[in-house]
Amino acid sequence: MINQESALAQDRRGLQRFNLRLQAILQQLRDQDQALELYTRDISSDGAYLYTDSPLPLDSDVELTLYLPLGEITKSKITVDGRVVRAERDGVAVRFDSRYSFTPA
């Protein structure tokens, strides 16, 4: 029998997650002066988990810039607003506000 709590957690995520380490800049929208340079642990079309020793408070509105490698020298970036939905000892989960998707090549 499947644990009901595990099943609910699985349903909430619903979207495929990719273990993808990307350089990122996380900035609280209220405090434009403080930006954290972080790395993602994983990412999906509706959010990302980022490693940090200084988690932001829950429900913090943030701007996240993700840097995508396009080759050995070239990078591209995606900027998206979001909200901190989980804070843990080693990082934060950010849910994206925009609607778009990441898909494997």
Foldseek 3Di string as FASTA:
>chain_A
DDDPVVVVVCVVVVFDKDQDWWWKWKAFPVCNPDIDTWIWRIAWQFKTKTFDQDEDDFFGKIKMKTWADPDPPDIDIDIFIWTFHDQDNTTTMTTTPDGDTDDDD
